[in-house]
């Protein structure tokens, strides 16, 4: 995936709602109780990927927002449980040096989880996608460059001689 495609990801895949439903089924007759918070989380979950970092926000009554710059990322984990694999989803866990053993951000419910992990690895290592290079500045004439370099050399020689005089024999 290109960075532009990653930047367009703002929501988890619809299959995440099915994953939440399957997980809630294990509670038996109390299915509705854990399903309500999962339903709210799914519908309020938003992702933001930009040139500087990752933003994740969720919540209805209590809004949670987290933003991490790529430079702060220490480690990236990709996890896929049995039901996630069955649905073709994955979770990308992003860790920082905050001192916690749990991930700072979990990006859940994406089919493009491997492409996102690779994208984050390149960004955390400092890779930048450069825009088209600007037209090079007009280079000074060859004689002017030579003149400037010669004067720099002469000044450095003079400085070295002054330092040697101050140090003495």
Foldseek 3Di string as FASTA:
>chain_A
DDVVVVQPAWAFDPCQLVVQQVVLCVVPPPSVVSSVVVVQFRVAWTWGDDQFWIWIWGDDPDIDIDTDGLQQWDDKDKDADPVNVVSQWIKIFTDGPPVDPGGPDIDTRHNCVVVVVVVSVCVNVPDHDDDDDDDDDDDDDPVVVVVVVVVVVVVVVVVVVVVDVVVDD
